[in-house]
PDB file of N, CA and C in Angstrom:
ATOM      1  N   MET A   1       0.715  -1.183   0.054  1.00  0.00           N
ATOM      2  CA  MET A   1      -0.056  -0.154   0.279  1.00  0.00           C
ATOM      3  C   MET A   1       1.096   1.628  -0.366  1.00  0.00           C
ATOM      4  N   VAL A   2       0.464   2.591  -0.855  1.00  0.00           N
ATOM      5  CA  VAL A   2       1.399   3.517  -0.802  1.00  0.00           C
ATOM      6  C   VAL A   2       1.773   4.380   0.783  1.00  0.00           C
ATOM      7  N   VAL A   3       0.263   4.372   0.608  1.00  0.00           N
ATOM      8  CA  VAL A   3       0.886   5.190   3.013  1.00  0.00           C
ATOM      9  C   VAL A   3       1.465   3.937   3.237  1.00  0.00           C
ATOM     10  N   ASP A   4       2.187   2.542   3.629  1.00  0.00           N
ATOM     11  CA  ASP A   4       2.823   2.196   3.860  1.00  0.00           C
ATOM     12  C   ASP A   4       3.885   2.639   3.680  1.00  0.00           C
ATOM     13  N   GLN A   5       4.121   2.392   2.077  1.00  0.00           N
ATOM     14  CA  GLN A   5       5.607   2.772   1.186  1.00  0.00           C
ATOM     15  C   GLN A   5       6.051   4.092   2.322  1.00  0.00           C
ATOM     16  N   LEU A   6       5.105   5.280   2.624  1.00  0.00           N
ATOM     17  CA  LEU A   6       5.095   6.218   2.412  1.00  0.00           C
ATOM     18  C   LEU A   6       5.813   6.361   4.393  1.00  0.00           C
ATOM     19  N   SER A   7       5.032   5.477   5.197  1.00  0.00           N
ATOM     20  CA  SER A   7       5.485   5.783   6.563  1.00  0.00           C
ATOM     21  C   SER A   7       6.301   5.041   7.008  1.00  0.00           C
ATOM     22  N   LYS A   8       7.425   4.947   6.474  1.00  0.00           N
ATOM     23  CA  LYS A   8       9.046   4.190   6.717  1.00  0.00           C
ATOM     24  C   LYS A   8       8.846   4.777   8.146  1.00  0.00           C
ATOM     25  N   LYS A   9       9.140   6.160   7.978  1.00  0.00           N
ATOM     26  CA  LYS A   9       9.032   6.694   9.215  1.00  0.00           C
ATOM     27  C   LYS A   9       7.705   6.745  10.026  1.00  0.00           C
ATOM     28  N   PRO A  10       7.064   7.440   9.812  1.00  0.00           N
ATOM     29  CA  PRO A  10       6.201   7.435  11.132  1.00  0.00           C
ATOM     30  C   PRO A  10       5.278   6.330  10.636  1.00  0.00           C
ATOM     31  N   SER A  11       4.658   5.382  11.615  1.00  0.00           N
ATOM     32  CA  SER A  11       3.757   3.933  11.453  1.00  0.00           C
ATOM     33  C   SER A  11       2.495   4.532  10.883  1.00  0.00           C
ATOM     34  N   GLY A  12       2.489   3.123  10.585  1.00  0.00           N
ATOM     35  CA  GLY A  12       0.512   3.318  10.544  1.00  0.00           C
ATOM     36  C   GLY A  12      -0.365   3.279  11.247  1.00  0.00           C
ATOM     37  N   ASP A  13       0.343   2.917  12.535  1.00  0.00           N
ATOM     38  CA  ASP A  13      -0.213   2.996  13.786  1.00  0.00           C
ATOM     39  C   ASP A  13      -0.055   5.086  14.143  1.00  0.00           C
ATOM     40  N   GLU A  14       1.033   5.042  13.590  1.00  0.00           N
ATOM     41  CA  GLU A  14       1.540   6.722  14.134  1.00  0.00           C
ATOM     42  C   GLU A  14       0.743   7.872  13.799  1.00  0.00           C
ATOM     43  N   LEU A  15       0.380   7.636  11.988  1.00  0.00           N
ATOM     44  CA  LEU A  15      -0.421   8.074  11.064  1.00  0.00           C
ATOM     45  C   LEU A  15      -1.914   8.376  11.790  1.00  0.00           C
ATOM     46  N   ASP A  16      -2.607   6.913  11.852  1.00  0.00           N
ATOM     47  CA  ASP A  16      -4.277   6.800  12.017  1.00  0.00           C
ATOM     48  C   ASP A  16      -3.555   7.644  14.002  1.00  0.00           C
ATOM     49  N   ARG A  17      -2.860   7.803  14.406  1.00  0.00           N
ATOM     50  CA  ARG A  17      -3.115   8.745  15.691  1.00  0.00           C
ATOM     51  C   ARG A  17      -2.914  10.373  15.297  1.00  0.00           C
ATOM     52  N   LEU A  18      -2.599  10.433  14.388  1.00  0.00           N
ATOM     53  CA  LEU A  18      -2.203  11.480  14.165  1.00  0.00           C
ATOM     54  C   LEU A  18      -3.466  12.360  13.099  1.00  0.00           C
ATOM     55  N   PHE A  19      -3.495  11.668  12.238  1.00  0.00           N
ATOM     56  CA  PHE A  19      -5.031  12.580  11.514  1.00  0.00           C
ATOM     57  C   PHE A  19      -6.354  11.744  13.097  1.00  0.00           C
ATOM     58  N   GLN A  20      -6.284  11.064  13.753  1.00  0.00           N
ATOM     59  CA  GLN A  20      -7.503  10.857  14.320  1.00  0.00           C
ATOM     60  C   GLN A  20      -7.459  12.207  15.801  1.00  0.00           C
ATOM     61  N   ALA A  21      -6.185  12.699  15.637  1.00  0.00           N
ATOM     62  CA  ALA A  21      -6.472  13.320  16.963  1.00  0.00           C
ATOM     63  C   ALA A  21      -6.328  14.701  16.134  1.00  0.00           C
ATOM     64  N   LEU A  22      -6.480  15.401  14.948  1.00  0.00           N
ATOM     65  CA  LEU A  22      -6.524  16.565  14.004  1.00  0.00           C
ATOM     66  C   LEU A  22      -7.620  15.920  13.189  1.00  0.00           C
ATOM     67  N   ALA A  23      -8.764  15.631  13.324  1.00  0.00           N
ATOM     68  CA  ALA A  23      -9.737  15.318  12.599  1.00  0.00           C
ATOM     69  C   ALA A  23     -11.208  16.062  13.941  1.00  0.00           C
ATOM     70  N   ASP A  24     -11.138  16.227  15.526  1.00  0.00           N
ATOM     71  CA  ASP A  24     -11.496  17.000  15.586  1.00  0.00           C
ATOM     72  C   ASP A  24     -10.860  18.577  16.152  1.00  0.00           C
ATOM     73  N   ALA A  25     -11.855  19.376  16.198  1.00  0.00           N
ATOM     74  CA  ALA A  25     -11.826  20.957  15.650  1.00  0.00           C
ATOM     75  C   ALA A  25     -11.566  21.429  17.268  1.00  0.00           C
ATOM     76  N   THR A  26     -11.526  21.031  17.757  1.00  0.00           N
ATOM     77  CA  THR A  26     -10.872  21.487  19.532  1.00  0.00           C
ATOM     78  C   THR A  26      -9.627  21.464  19.677  1.00  0.00           C
ATOM     79  N   ARG A  27      -9.473  19.496  19.018  1.00  0.00           N
ATOM     80  CA  ARG A  27      -7.555  19.442  19.075  1.00  0.00           C
ATOM     81  C   ARG A  27      -6.782  20.261  18.258  1.00  0.00           C
ATOM     82  N   ARG A  28      -8.034  20.628  17.216  1.00  0.00           N
ATOM     83  CA  ARG A  28      -6.860  21.555  15.977  1.00  0.00           C
ATOM     84  C   ARG A  28      -6.472  22.491  16.355  1.00  0.00           C
ATOM     85  N   ASP A  29      -7.632  23.189  17.632  1.00  0.00           N
ATOM     86  CA  ASP A  29      -7.791  24.782  17.665  1.00  0.00           C
ATOM     87  C   ASP A  29      -6.965  24.422  18.646  1.00  0.00           C
ATOM     88  N   ILE A  30      -6.858  23.998  20.215  1.00  0.00           N
ATOM     89  CA  ILE A  30      -5.058  23.757  20.564  1.00  0.00           C
ATOM     90  C   ILE A  30      -4.055  24.016  20.167  1.00  0.00           C
ATOM     91  N   VAL A  31      -3.820  22.633  18.976  1.00  0.00           N
ATOM     92  CA  VAL A  31      -2.847  22.570  18.093  1.00  0.00           C
ATOM     93  C   VAL A  31      -2.081  24.096  17.359  1.00  0.00           C
ATOM     94  N   ALA A  32      -3.483  24.611  17.386  1.00  0.00           N
ATOM     95  CA  ALA A  32      -2.483  26.118  16.543  1.00  0.00           C
ATOM     96  C   ALA A  32      -2.537  27.162  17.780  1.00  0.00           C
ATOM     97  N   ARG A  33      -2.764  26.838  18.811  1.00  0.00           N
ATOM     98  CA  ARG A  33      -2.784  27.706  20.117  1.00  0.00           C
ATOM     99  C   ARG A  33      -1.570  27.452  20.316  1.00  0.00           C
ATOM    100  N   VAL A  34      -1.393  26.345  20.331  1.00  0.00           N
ATOM    101  CA  VAL A  34       0.312  26.140  21.118  1.00  0.00           C
ATOM    102  C   VAL A  34       1.596  25.855  19.918  1.00  0.00           C
ATOM    103  N   THR A  35       1.024  25.849  18.664  1.00  0.00           N
ATOM    104  CA  THR A  35       1.812  26.773  18.151  1.00  0.00           C
ATOM    105  C   THR A  35       2.344  27.619  18.013  1.00  0.00           C
ATOM    106  N   ALA A  36       1.314  28.635  18.588  1.00  0.00           N
ATOM    107  CA  ALA A  36       2.137  30.054  18.278  1.00  0.00           C
ATOM    108  C   ALA A  36       2.909  30.173  19.621  1.00  0.00           C
ATOM    109  N   GLY A  37       1.979  29.633  20.677  1.00  0.00           N
ATOM    110  CA  GLY A  37       2.963  29.711  21.628  1.00  0.00           C
ATOM    111  C   GLY A  37       2.274  28.893  22.772  1.00  0.00           C
ATOM    112  N   GLU A  38       3.341  28.907  23.653  1.00  0.00           N
ATOM    113  CA  GLU A  38       2.914  27.694  24.431  1.00  0.00           C
ATOM    114  C   GLU A  38       2.354  28.014  26.387  1.00  0.00           C
ATOM    115  N   TYR A  39       1.719  27.022  26.428  1.00  0.00           N
ATOM    116  CA  TYR A  39       0.158  26.945  27.609  1.00  0.00           C
ATOM    117  C   TYR A  39       0.217  26.298  28.816  1.00  0.00           C
ATOM    118  N   SER A  40      -0.107  26.575  29.629  1.00  0.00           N
ATOM    119  CA  SER A  40      -0.432  26.298  30.708  1.00  0.00           C
ATOM    120  C   SER A  40      -2.015  24.819  29.888  1.00  0.00           C
ATOM    121  N   VAL A  41      -1.574  23.895  30.434  1.00  0.00           N
ATOM    122  CA  VAL A  41      -3.146  23.070  30.645  1.00  0.00           C
ATOM    123  C   VAL A  41      -4.126  24.196  31.124  1.00  0.00           C
ATOM    124  N   SER A  42      -4.169  24.356  32.671  1.00  0.00           N
ATOM    125  CA  SER A  42      -5.458  24.663  32.996  1.00  0.00           C
ATOM    126  C   SER A  42      -5.439  26.613  32.153  1.00  0.00           C
ATOM    127  N   GLY A  43      -4.901  27.488  31.500  1.00  0.00           N
ATOM    128  CA  GLY A  43      -4.706  27.955  30.833  1.00  0.00           C
ATOM    129  C   GLY A  43      -5.635  27.656  29.292  1.00  0.00           C
ATOM    130  N   LEU A  44      -5.126  27.047  28.830  1.00  0.00           N
ATOM    131  CA  LEU A  44      -6.014  26.036  27.835  1.00  0.00           C
ATOM    132  C   LEU A  44      -7.755  25.899  27.969  1.00  0.00           C
ATOM    133  N   ALA A  45      -8.176  25.056  29.687  1.00  0.00           N
ATOM    134  CA  ALA A  45      -8.745  24.659  29.601  1.00  0.00           C
ATOM    135  C   ALA A  45      -9.468  25.949  29.958  1.00  0.00           C
ATOM    136  N   ALA A  46      -9.195  27.337  30.551  1.00  0.00           N
ATOM    137  CA  ALA A  46     -10.228  28.546  30.752  1.00  0.00           C
ATOM    138  C   ALA A  46     -10.581  28.967  29.317  1.00  0.00           C
ATOM    139  N   LEU A  47     -10.288  29.114  28.186  1.00  0.00           N
ATOM    140  CA  LEU A  47     -10.278  28.785  26.622  1.00  0.00           C
ATOM    141  C   LEU A  47     -11.710  28.381  26.278  1.00  0.00           C
ATOM    142  N   TYR A  48     -12.095  27.477  26.799  1.00  0.00           N
ATOM    143  CA  TYR A  48     -13.324  26.749  26.101  1.00  0.00           C
ATOM    144  C   TYR A  48     -14.481  26.624  27.249  1.00  0.00           C
ATOM    145  N   THR A  49     -15.249  25.823  26.543  1.00  0.00           N
ATOM    146  CA  THR A  49     -16.513  25.541  27.436  1.00  0.00           C
ATOM    147  C   THR A  49     -17.311  24.051  28.050  1.00  0.00           C
ATOM    148  N   MET A  50     -16.153  24.113  27.787  1.00  0.00           N
ATOM    149  CA  MET A  50     -15.591  22.262  28.717  1.00  0.00           C
ATOM    150  C   MET A  50     -15.272  22.084  29.765  1.00  0.00           C
ATOM    151  N   SER A  51     -14.897  20.944  30.511  1.00  0.00           N
ATOM    152  CA  SER A  51     -14.530  20.649  31.733  1.00  0.00           C
ATOM    153  C   SER A  51     -12.607  20.822  31.629  1.00  0.00           C
ATOM    154  N   PHE A  52     -12.059  20.990  33.163  1.00  0.00           N
ATOM    155  CA  PHE A  52     -10.793  21.058  32.927  1.00  0.00           C
ATOM    156  C   PHE A  52     -10.191  19.878  32.470  1.00  0.00           C
ATOM    157  N   ALA A  53     -10.939  18.518  33.223  1.00  0.00           N
ATOM    158  CA  ALA A  53     -10.759  17.183  32.438  1.00  0.00           C
ATOM    159  C   ALA A  53     -10.726  17.371  31.240  1.00  0.00           C
ATOM    160  N   ALA A  54     -12.045  17.686  30.377  1.00  0.00           N
ATOM    161  CA  ALA A  54     -12.082  16.797  29.287  1.00  0.00           C
ATOM    162  C   ALA A  54     -11.115  17.620  27.978  1.00  0.00           C
ATOM    163  N   VAL A  55     -10.409  19.143  28.608  1.00  0.00           N
ATOM    164  CA  VAL A  55      -9.382  19.634  27.755  1.00  0.00           C
ATOM    165  C   VAL A  55      -7.863  18.636  28.488  1.00  0.00           C
ATOM    166  N   GLN A  56      -7.571  18.309  29.444  1.00  0.00           N
ATOM    167  CA  GLN A  56      -6.809  17.502  29.913  1.00  0.00           C
ATOM    168  C   GLN A  56      -6.792  16.004  29.094  1.00  0.00           C
ATOM    169  N   LYS A  57      -7.826  15.199  28.851  1.00  0.00           N
ATOM    170  CA  LYS A  57      -8.060  14.546  28.017  1.00  0.00           C
ATOM    171  C   LYS A  57      -7.605  14.995  26.205  1.00  0.00           C
ATOM    172  N   HIS A  58      -7.730  16.628  25.930  1.00  0.00           N
ATOM    173  CA  HIS A  58      -7.739  16.477  24.126  1.00  0.00           C
ATOM    174  C   HIS A  58      -5.676  16.516  24.079  1.00  0.00           C
ATOM    175  N   VAL A  59      -5.244  16.842  25.063  1.00  0.00           N
ATOM    176  CA  VAL A  59      -3.947  17.425  25.463  1.00  0.00           C
ATOM    177  C   VAL A  59      -3.335  15.888  25.317  1.00  0.00           C
ATOM    178  N   ALA A  60      -4.157  15.551  26.113  1.00  0.00           N
ATOM    179  CA  ALA A  60      -3.078  13.785  25.837  1.00  0.00           C
ATOM    180  C   ALA A  60      -3.697  12.753  24.798  1.00  0.00           C
ATOM    181  N   VAL A  61      -4.723  13.208  23.722  1.00  0.00           N
ATOM    182  CA  VAL A  61      -4.468  12.360  22.808  1.00  0.00           C
ATOM    183  C   VAL A  61      -3.732  13.587  21.647  1.00  0.00           C
ATOM    184  N   LEU A  62      -3.632  14.346  22.427  1.00  0.00           N
ATOM    185  CA  LEU A  62      -2.332  15.223  20.756  1.00  0.00           C
ATOM    186  C   LEU A  62      -0.968  14.891  21.110  1.00  0.00           C
ATOM    187  N   GLU A  63      -0.521  14.689  22.796  1.00  0.00           N
ATOM    188  CA  GLU A  63       0.552  14.173  23.158  1.00  0.00           C
ATOM    189  C   GLU A  63       0.951  12.416  22.660  1.00  0.00           C
ATOM    190  N   ARG A  64       0.029  11.490  22.905  1.00  0.00           N
ATOM    191  CA  ARG A  64       0.118  10.920  21.788  1.00  0.00           C
ATOM    192  C   ARG A  64       0.104  10.310  20.173  1.00  0.00           C
ATOM    193  N   ALA A  65      -0.233  11.417  19.380  1.00  0.00           N
ATOM    194  CA  ALA A  65      -0.211  11.869  18.116  1.00  0.00           C
ATOM    195  C   ALA A  65       1.360  12.421  17.960  1.00  0.00           C
ATOM    196  N   SER A  66       2.539  13.432  18.982  1.00  0.00           N
ATOM    197  CA  SER A  66       3.019  13.520  18.758  1.00  0.00           C
ATOM    198  C   SER A  66       2.642  15.150  17.897  1.00  0.00           C
ATOM    199  N   LEU A  67       1.598  15.401  18.207  1.00  0.00           N
ATOM    200  CA  LEU A  67       1.401  16.651  17.783  1.00  0.00           C
ATOM    201  C   LEU A  67       1.615  18.139  19.015  1.00  0.00           C
ATOM    202  N   VAL A  68       2.041  17.760  20.067  1.00  0.00           N
ATOM    203  CA  VAL A  68       2.269  18.727  20.936  1.00  0.00           C
ATOM    204  C   VAL A  68       3.609  17.994  22.505  1.00  0.00           C
ATOM    205  N   THR A  69       3.765  18.616  22.960  1.00  0.00           N
ATOM    206  CA  THR A  69       4.398  17.942  24.285  1.00  0.00           C
ATOM    207  C   THR A  69       4.476  18.373  25.234  1.00  0.00           C
ATOM    208  N   LYS A  70       4.201  18.278  26.553  1.00  0.00           N
ATOM    209  CA  LYS A  70       3.833  18.526  27.472  1.00  0.00           C
ATOM    210  C   LYS A  70       5.651  18.158  28.631  1.00  0.00           C
ATOM    211  N   GLU A  71       5.590  19.586  29.405  1.00  0.00           N
ATOM    212  CA  GLU A  71       6.609  19.498  30.627  1.00  0.00           C
ATOM    213  C   GLU A  71       5.546  20.077  31.794  1.00  0.00           C
ATOM    214  N   LYS A  72       5.915  19.179  32.450  1.00  0.00           N
ATOM    215  CA  LYS A  72       5.827  19.878  34.003  1.00  0.00           C
ATOM    216  C   LYS A  72       6.661  20.472  34.536  1.00  0.00           C
ATOM    217  N   ARG A  73       5.936  22.102  34.851  1.00  0.00           N
ATOM    218  CA  ARG A  73       7.196  23.265  35.143  1.00  0.00           C
ATOM    219  C   ARG A  73       5.935  23.303  36.812  1.00  0.00           C
ATOM    220  N   GLY A  74       6.614  23.162  37.836  1.00  0.00           N
ATOM    221  CA  GLY A  74       6.388  23.689  38.917  1.00  0.00           C
ATOM    222  C   GLY A  74       4.982  23.290  39.556  1.00  0.00           C
ATOM    223  N   ARG A  75       3.975  23.847  39.409  1.00  0.00           N
ATOM    224  CA  ARG A  75       2.714  23.102  39.005  1.00  0.00           C
ATOM    225  C   ARG A  75       1.472  22.707  38.153  1.00  0.00           C
ATOM    226  N   GLU A  76       2.138  23.980  37.285  1.00  0.00           N
ATOM    227  CA  GLU A  76       2.019  23.655  35.768  1.00  0.00           C
ATOM    228  C   GLU A  76       2.369  22.654  35.137  1.00  0.00           C
ATOM    229  N   GLN A  77       1.137  22.586  34.120  1.00  0.00           N
ATOM    230  CA  GLN A  77       1.645  21.347  32.841  1.00  0.00           C
ATOM    231  C   GLN A  77       1.574  22.104  31.389  1.00  0.00           C
ATOM    232  N   ILE A  78       2.996  22.337  31.214  1.00  0.00           N
ATOM    233  CA  ILE A  78       3.657  23.199  29.777  1.00  0.00           C
ATOM    234  C   ILE A  78       2.817  22.321  28.715  1.00  0.00           C
ATOM    235  N   VAL A  79       2.129  23.063  27.956  1.00  0.00           N
ATOM    236  CA  VAL A  79       1.827  22.299  26.562  1.00  0.00           C
ATOM    237  C   VAL A  79       2.307  22.992  25.676  1.00  0.00           C
ATOM    238  N   ARG A  80       3.156  22.571  24.800  1.00  0.00           N
ATOM    239  CA  ARG A  80       3.212  23.445  23.673  1.00  0.00           C
ATOM    240  C   ARG A  80       3.418  22.495  22.050  1.00  0.00           C
ATOM    241  N   GLY A  81       3.726  22.752  20.674  1.00  0.00           N
ATOM    242  CA  GLY A  81       3.264  22.406  19.735  1.00  0.00           C
ATOM    243  C   GLY A  81       4.861  21.982  19.393  1.00  0.00           C
ATOM    244  N   ASN A  82       4.082  20.355  18.518  1.00  0.00           N
ATOM    245  CA  ASN A  82       5.923  19.437  18.010  1.00  0.00           C
ATOM    246  C   ASN A  82       5.704  19.500  16.791  1.00  0.00           C
ATOM    247  N   HIS A  83       6.871  20.253  16.529  1.00  0.00           N
ATOM    248  CA  HIS A  83       7.132  20.815  14.632  1.00  0.00           C
ATOM    249  C   HIS A  83       7.288  19.895  13.960  1.00  0.00           C
ATOM    250  N   GLU A  84       7.629  18.330  15.017  1.00  0.00           N
ATOM    251  CA  GLU A  84       8.276  17.011  14.669  1.00  0.00           C
ATOM    252  C   GLU A  84       7.008  16.582  13.672  1.00  0.00           C
ATOM    253  N   GLY A  85       5.683  16.417  14.593  1.00  0.00           N
ATOM    254  CA  GLY A  85       3.980  15.754  14.462  1.00  0.00           C
ATOM    255  C   GLY A  85       3.208  16.896  13.042  1.00  0.00           C
ATOM    256  N   LEU A  86       3.556  17.328  13.282  1.00  0.00           N
ATOM    257  CA  LEU A  86       2.952  18.148  11.976  1.00  0.00           C
ATOM    258  C   LEU A  86       3.990  18.270  10.585  1.00  0.00           C
ATOM    259  N   GLN A  87       5.020  18.147  10.263  1.00  0.00           N
ATOM    260  CA  GLN A  87       5.809  16.949   9.641  1.00  0.00           C
ATOM    261  C   GLN A  87       5.733  16.182   8.739  1.00  0.00           C
ATOM    262  N   LYS A  88       5.031  15.049  10.428  1.00  0.00           N
ATOM    263  CA  LYS A  88       4.721  13.578   9.224  1.00  0.00           C
ATOM    264  C   LYS A  88       3.649  13.899   8.835  1.00  0.00           C
ATOM    265  N   ALA A  89       2.499  14.770   9.730  1.00  0.00           N
ATOM    266  CA  ALA A  89       1.098  15.079   8.356  1.00  0.00           C
ATOM    267  C   ALA A  89       1.373  15.966   6.937  1.00  0.00           C
ATOM    268  N   ARG A  90       2.453  16.702   7.611  1.00  0.00           N
ATOM    269  CA  ARG A  90       2.812  17.826   5.916  1.00  0.00           C
ATOM    270  C   ARG A  90       3.389  16.662   4.818  1.00  0.00           C
ATOM    271  N   HIS A  91       3.913  16.139   5.392  1.00  0.00           N
ATOM    272  CA  HIS A  91       4.969  14.736   4.374  1.00  0.00           C
ATOM    273  C   HIS A  91       3.931  13.940   3.728  1.00  0.00           C
ATOM    274  N   LEU A  92       3.143  13.098   4.098  1.00  0.00           N
ATOM    275  CA  LEU A  92       1.936  12.743   3.566  1.00  0.00           C
ATOM    276  C   LEU A  92       1.188  14.009   3.108  1.00  0.00           C
ATOM    277  N   LEU A  93       0.947  14.594   3.382  1.00  0.00           N
ATOM    278  CA  LEU A  93      -0.349  15.677   2.277  1.00  0.00           C
ATOM    279  C   LEU A  93      -0.213  16.030   1.386  1.00  0.00           C
ATOM    280  N   ASP A  94       1.798  16.493   1.020  1.00  0.00           N
ATOM    281  CA  ASP A  94       2.264  16.761   0.171  1.00  0.00           C
ATOM    282  C   ASP A  94       2.272  15.780  -0.850  1.00  0.00           C
ATOM    283  N   HIS A  95       2.587  14.098  -0.085  1.00  0.00           N
ATOM    284  CA  HIS A  95       2.632  13.492  -1.304  1.00  0.00           C
ATOM    285  C   HIS A  95       1.054  13.045  -2.043  1.00  0.00           C
ATOM    286  N   PHE A  96       0.672  13.239  -1.910  1.00  0.00           N
ATOM    287  CA  PHE A  96      -1.197  12.801  -2.012  1.00  0.00           C
ATOM    288  C   PHE A  96      -1.681  14.335  -2.950  1.00  0.00           C
ATOM    289  N   GLU A  97      -0.984  15.198  -2.345  1.00  0.00           N
ATOM    290  CA  GLU A  97      -0.769  16.304  -3.409  1.00  0.00           C
ATOM    291  C   GLU A  97      -0.758  16.428  -4.441  1.00  0.00           C
ATOM    292  N   MET A  98       1.334  16.091  -4.453  1.00  0.00           N
ATOM    293  CA  MET A  98       2.279  15.364  -6.029  1.00  0.00           C
ATOM    294  C   MET A  98       1.478  14.515  -6.969  1.00  0.00           C
ATOM    295  N   ILE A  99       1.107  13.289  -5.898  1.00  0.00           N
ATOM    296  CA  ILE A  99      -0.538  12.095  -7.046  1.00  0.00           C
ATOM    297  C   ILE A  99      -1.454  13.346  -8.046  1.00  0.00           C
ATOM    298  N   TRP A 100      -2.352  13.757  -6.970  1.00  0.00           N
ATOM    299  CA  TRP A 100      -3.084  14.277  -7.520  1.00  0.00           C
ATOM    300  C   TRP A 100      -2.363  15.490  -8.964  1.00  0.00           C
ATOM    301  N   ARG A 101      -1.355  16.636  -8.353  1.00  0.00           N
ATOM    302  CA  ARG A 101      -0.978  16.925  -9.607  1.00  0.00           C
ATOM    303  C   ARG A 101      -0.399  16.668 -10.608  1.00  0.00           C
ATOM    304  N   GLN A 102       0.341  15.195 -10.630  1.00  0.00           N
ATOM    305  CA  GLN A 102       0.244  13.742 -11.792  1.00  0.00           C
ATOM    306  C   GLN A 102      -0.929  14.425 -12.157  1.00  0.00           C
ATOM    307  N   ARG A 103      -1.420  13.422 -11.928  1.00  0.00           N
ATOM    308  CA  ARG A 103      -2.588  13.249 -12.500  1.00  0.00           C
ATOM    309  C   ARG A 103      -3.248  13.829 -13.285  1.00  0.00           C
ATOM    310  N   ALA A 104      -3.824  14.917 -12.440  1.00  0.00           N
ATOM    311  CA  ALA A 104      -4.218  16.044 -13.400  1.00  0.00           C
ATOM    312  C   ALA A 104      -3.599  16.966 -14.699  1.00  0.00           C
ATOM    313  N   SER A 105      -2.179  16.381 -14.608  1.00  0.00           N
ATOM    314  CA  SER A 105      -1.572  17.433 -15.961  1.00  0.00           C
ATOM    315  C   SER A 105      -1.208  16.264 -16.143  1.00  0.00           C
ATOM    316  N   ARG A 106      -1.420  14.770 -16.217  1.00  0.00           N
ATOM    317  CA  ARG A 106      -1.593  13.951 -17.565  1.00  0.00           C
ATOM    318  C   ARG A 106      -2.688  13.946 -18.421  1.00  0.00           C
ATOM    319  N   ILE A 107      -3.649  14.182 -17.536  1.00  0.00           N
ATOM    320  CA  ILE A 107      -5.094  14.239 -17.652  1.00  0.00           C
ATOM    321  C   ILE A 107      -5.022  15.545 -18.770  1.00  0.00           C
ATOM    322  N   ALA A 108      -4.573  17.076 -18.690  1.00  0.00           N
ATOM    323  CA  ALA A 108      -4.125  17.930 -19.542  1.00  0.00           C
ATOM    324  C   ALA A 108      -3.540  17.472 -21.140  1.00  0.00           C
ATOM    325  N   ASP A 109      -2.555  16.832 -20.829  1.00  0.00           N
ATOM    326  CA  ASP A 109      -2.173  16.414 -21.637  1.00  0.00           C
ATOM    327  C   ASP A 109      -2.934  15.713 -22.773  1.00  0.00           C
ATOM    328  N   ILE A 110      -3.868  14.817 -22.283  1.00  0.00           N
ATOM    329  CA  ILE A 110      -4.438  14.052 -22.926  1.00  0.00           C
ATOM    330  C   ILE A 110      -5.688  14.604 -23.800  1.00  0.00           C
ATOM    331  N   LEU A 111      -6.271  15.679 -23.048  1.00  0.00           N
ATOM    332  CA  LEU A 111      -7.390  16.568 -23.788  1.00  0.00           C
ATOM    333  C   LEU A 111      -6.395  17.578 -24.662  1.00  0.00           C
ATOM    334  N   ALA A 112      -4.686  17.768 -24.191  1.00  0.00           N
ATOM    335  CA  ALA A 112      -3.945  18.570 -25.754  1.00  0.00           C
ATOM    336  C   ALA A 112      -3.994  17.777 -26.635  1.00  0.00           C
ATOM    337  N   GLU A 113      -3.859  16.557 -26.482  1.00  0.00           N
ATOM    338  CA  GLU A 113      -3.639  15.576 -28.010  1.00  0.00           C
ATOM    339  C   GLU A 113      -4.443  15.313 -28.514  1.00  0.00           C
ATOM    340  N   ASP A 114      -6.034  15.610 -27.642  1.00  0.00           N
ATOM    341  CA  ASP A 114      -7.333  15.035 -28.511  1.00  0.00           C
ATOM    342  C   ASP A 114      -7.393  16.433 -29.532  1.00  0.00           C
ATOM    343  N   ASP A 115      -7.193  17.330 -28.624  1.00  0.00           N
ATOM    344  CA  ASP A 115      -7.975  18.756 -29.321  1.00  0.00           C
ATOM    345  C   ASP A 115      -6.722  18.723 -30.555  1.00  0.00           C
ATOM    346  N   GLU A 116      -5.561  18.442 -31.128  1.00  0.00           N
ATOM    347  CA  GLU A 116      -4.665  18.447 -31.498  1.00  0.00           C
ATOM    348  C   GLU A 116      -4.722  17.163 -32.834  1.00  0.00           C
ATOM    349  N   ARG A 117      -5.648  16.636 -32.221  1.00  0.00           N
ATOM    350  CA  ARG A 117      -6.198  15.195 -33.234  1.00  0.00           C
ATOM    351  C   ARG A 117      -7.397  16.166 -34.079  1.00  0.00           C
ATOM    352  N   GLU A 118      -7.918  16.156 -33.701  1.00  0.00           N
ATOM    353  CA  GLU A 118      -9.614  17.061 -34.028  1.00  0.00           C
ATOM    354  C   GLU A 118      -9.393  18.158 -35.208  1.00  0.00           C
ATOM    355  N   LEU A 119      -8.070  19.222 -34.727  1.00  0.00           N
ATOM    356  CA  LEU A 119      -7.532  19.856 -35.639  1.00  0.00           C
ATOM    357  C   LEU A 119      -7.807  19.076 -37.675  1.00  0.00           C
ATOM    358  N   PRO A 120      -8.151  20.187 -38.319  1.00  0.00           N
ATOM    359  CA  PRO A 120      -8.125  19.759 -39.891  1.00  0.00           C
ATOM    360  C   PRO A 120      -6.570  20.046 -39.942  1.00  0.00           C
TER     361      PRO A 120
END
């Protein structure tokens, strides 16, 4: 499978965790925030209309997917974005885009050949 060939660095399980984590709007929002700057888990919890425990669970899912890292600093748990996790997702999406662009280019070439044949 093409995805398996791509996933020599990240395993299929890693990619599944990564995209499942990104499938949730709250988790994508957390990633966007912590990519711009670090937040404590309690600071993140203050931004959402959900319980602290729910935000902790979202952060844990993101941490397992390698999209964020968490560090204990005093009494706070500090969350920051993990560039390597985002690169894994980008690598796979870039590959899919390349396949799509190659196919679109081949279709354009075939249509251009058909137009040339139809000219008198």
